[in-house]
Amino acid sequence: MTAASIRHASTTSDVDSSRRRPNGVRSAGVVSLAAAIGLAACGTTDEASRETLPPLVTTTTTTVPEDEDPNAGKVRFYEIQPGESLAMIARAFEVPTQSIIDLNNIENPDNVPAGLIIQIPTDIVLVSELPTPGETTTVP
């Protein structure tokens, strides 16, 4: 290496080292600038812009039919008590007596012992009045 090239290398390294900043100085300046731009973009600096916003009120609605039986689709059983008949039980559960007889394979409906556990039919709609002409009756 010649003296001129050594001199050139040392001056270049002196210039480069003078341009260097301590770690974090450049990034702090960028962050400060970004923060200033962000604050300016937020709106005015008046008192109203610093007030706390009221809480958001949200509501959730669900639609549930009011007349729907919560036990619909579930299997129901009943233990016959002394003095009860199938007709009484059918009226209480609003199902046809014949449905109870058929579902439980009861051979003699007039002789059903107390303590017998029977299954009650579900998803049966008992209509007690005739619909008016032109009105349709649908089962849910």
Foldseek 3Di string as FASTA:
>chain_A
DDPVVVVVVVVVVVVVVVPDDPPPPVVVVVVVVVVVVVVVVQDDPDPVSPDDDDDDDDDDDDDDDPPDDPCAPPKDKDFAAPPDALVNVCVVVVHDSVVQCVQFVPPDRVDDDGRDMTIDDHQDHHDPDDDDPPDDDDRD
